[in-house]
Protein backbone atom coordinates (compact mmCIF):
# COMPACT_ATOMS: atom_id res chain seq x y z
CA MET A 1 -10.39 -4.07 -15.02
CA SER A 2 -8.53 -0.63 -14.94
CA ASP A 3 -10.05 2.64 -16.25
CA PRO A 4 -9.16 3.42 -19.85
CA GLU A 5 -6.22 5.58 -20.41
CA PHE A 6 -5.79 7.94 -23.20
CA ALA A 7 -2.56 9.61 -24.57
CA ASP A 8 -2.52 13.41 -23.92
CA GLY A 9 -1.83 15.22 -27.29
CA LEU A 10 -2.92 12.45 -29.56
CA ILE A 11 -5.99 12.96 -31.82
CA ILE A 12 -7.01 10.35 -34.40
CA LYS A 13 -9.35 11.10 -37.07
CA GLU A 14 -10.92 8.98 -39.92
CA GLY A 15 -8.81 9.20 -43.18
CA LYS A 16 -10.49 11.41 -45.85
CA VAL A 17 -9.72 9.07 -48.89
CA GLU A 18 -10.12 5.40 -49.33
CA PHE A 19 -6.45 4.42 -48.85
CA ILE A 20 -5.82 6.24 -45.78
CA HIS A 21 -6.99 4.33 -42.73
CA CYS A 22 -6.80 7.40 -40.11
CA THR A 23 -4.88 10.51 -39.50
CA ILE A 24 -2.99 10.81 -36.34
CA SER A 25 -2.41 14.37 -34.92
CA ILE A 26 0.16 14.97 -32.30
CA ASN A 27 0.65 18.02 -30.07
CA LYS A 28 4.30 17.74 -29.44
CA ASP A 29 4.48 19.48 -26.09
CA GLN A 30 1.37 17.67 -24.56
CA PHE A 31 2.56 14.18 -26.03
CA ILE A 32 6.17 14.44 -24.75
CA GLU A 33 4.88 15.46 -21.36
CA TRP A 34 2.46 12.47 -21.18
CA LEU A 35 5.38 10.20 -22.53
CA SER A 36 7.60 11.47 -19.78
CA THR A 37 5.35 9.96 -17.15
CA LYS A 38 5.62 6.53 -18.59
CA ASP A 39 8.27 3.99 -17.55
CA ASP A 40 7.88 1.55 -20.40
CA GLN A 41 9.96 1.50 -23.34
CA TRP A 42 6.99 0.71 -25.64
CA ILE A 43 3.59 2.14 -25.29
CA ASN A 44 0.84 0.43 -27.35
CA ILE A 45 -2.15 2.45 -28.36
CA ASP A 46 -5.27 0.60 -29.84
CA VAL A 47 -7.20 2.61 -32.39
CA LYS A 48 -10.83 2.07 -31.90
CA THR A 49 -14.39 3.19 -32.96
CA SER A 50 -16.79 4.49 -30.32
CA ARG A 51 -20.48 3.33 -30.33
CA ALA A 52 -21.20 6.79 -31.94
CA GLY A 53 -18.68 5.87 -34.66
CA LYS A 54 -15.88 8.18 -33.62
CA ILE A 55 -12.38 7.06 -33.97
CA TYR A 56 -10.14 7.33 -30.91
CA GLY A 57 -6.91 5.81 -29.36
CA GLN A 58 -6.62 4.09 -26.05
CA VAL A 59 -3.60 2.91 -24.28
CA ASN A 60 -3.22 -0.90 -24.19
CA SER A 61 -2.00 -1.54 -20.69
CA TRP A 62 -1.83 -5.38 -21.09
CA LYS A 63 1.41 -6.68 -19.60
CA PRO A 64 2.71 -10.30 -20.45
CA VAL A 65 3.02 -12.79 -17.76
CA THR A 66 6.61 -12.97 -16.55
CA ASP A 67 6.38 -15.00 -13.44
CA GLY A 68 3.84 -17.47 -14.37
CA MET A 69 1.49 -16.45 -11.31
CA THR A 70 0.10 -13.28 -12.26
CA GLY A 71 -2.61 -12.30 -14.66
CA GLY A 72 -6.34 -12.86 -14.60
CA SER A 73 -8.14 -15.65 -12.71
CA ASP A 74 -8.77 -17.60 -15.74
CA PHE A 75 -5.13 -17.58 -16.57
CA LYS A 76 -4.05 -18.63 -13.11
CA LYS A 77 -6.56 -21.26 -13.24
CA ALA A 78 -5.09 -22.59 -16.55
CA ILE A 79 -1.72 -22.55 -14.96
CA ASP A 80 -2.78 -24.39 -11.97
CA GLU A 81 -4.53 -27.04 -14.05
CA GLN A 82 -1.29 -27.41 -16.18
CA LYS A 83 0.70 -27.89 -12.92
CA ALA A 84 -1.71 -30.47 -11.67
CA ASN A 85 -1.60 -32.26 -14.79
CA LYS A 86 2.35 -32.15 -14.76
CA ASP A 87 2.42 -33.45 -11.16
CA THR A 88 0.06 -36.45 -12.19
CA GLY A 89 2.13 -37.11 -15.18
CA LEU A 90 -1.25 -37.20 -17.14
CA THR A 91 -1.76 -35.72 -20.58
CA PRO A 92 -4.88 -33.55 -21.06
CA SER A 93 -6.91 -36.38 -22.74
CA ASP A 94 -5.81 -38.94 -20.05
CA ALA A 95 -6.88 -36.53 -17.20
CA LEU A 96 -10.18 -36.19 -18.93
CA GLU A 97 -10.73 -39.93 -19.04
CA LYS A 98 -9.68 -40.25 -15.44
CA ILE A 99 -12.44 -37.60 -14.70
CA LYS A 100 -14.98 -39.52 -16.61
CA LYS A 101 -14.18 -42.75 -14.66
CA ASP A 102 -14.27 -40.86 -11.36
CA ILE A 103 -17.80 -39.50 -12.22
CA ASP A 104 -18.96 -42.89 -13.32
CA ASN A 105 -17.82 -44.27 -9.88
CA ILE A 106 -19.98 -41.65 -7.89
CA LYS A 107 -23.22 -42.43 -9.68
CA PRO A 108 -26.01 -43.72 -7.38
CA LYS A 109 -26.06 -47.45 -7.10
CA LYS A 110 -29.24 -49.28 -7.88
CA ASP A 111 -31.70 -49.86 -5.01
CA ASP A 112 -31.69 -53.23 -3.33
CA PHE A 113 -35.45 -53.32 -3.41
CA ALA A 114 -38.16 -53.49 -6.02
CA ASP A 115 -40.68 -50.55 -6.69
CA ASP A 116 -43.52 -52.78 -5.43
CA GLU A 117 -41.98 -52.94 -2.00
CA ILE A 118 -42.49 -49.14 -1.40
CA PRO A 119 -45.51 -48.69 1.13
CA PHE A 120 -47.17 -45.84 -0.85
């Protein structure tokens, strides 16, 4: 996980009346300078509340997956599973049934001797 990023020149305060969620103050020079360092057309800022109760804005750096092979390990694992299911032609429910049958086949077989034949 990358370090949190905050927009320079952006201050968020709690609204003073019930119908104002928050007040956003922008220092134009600082904010424009910060924006000029960004290549993206859109920059998302999440408004959050700290553990101490202070409202702040944090840059949301999430990027959509464009090539199907990037992203977190859980996402990559899901993509790999989908590809495996596609390759086998199985639906997820059919794949689950196949796994259950495979598990049943690896259960230990019953012994060929009775318990009273054990010498201890």
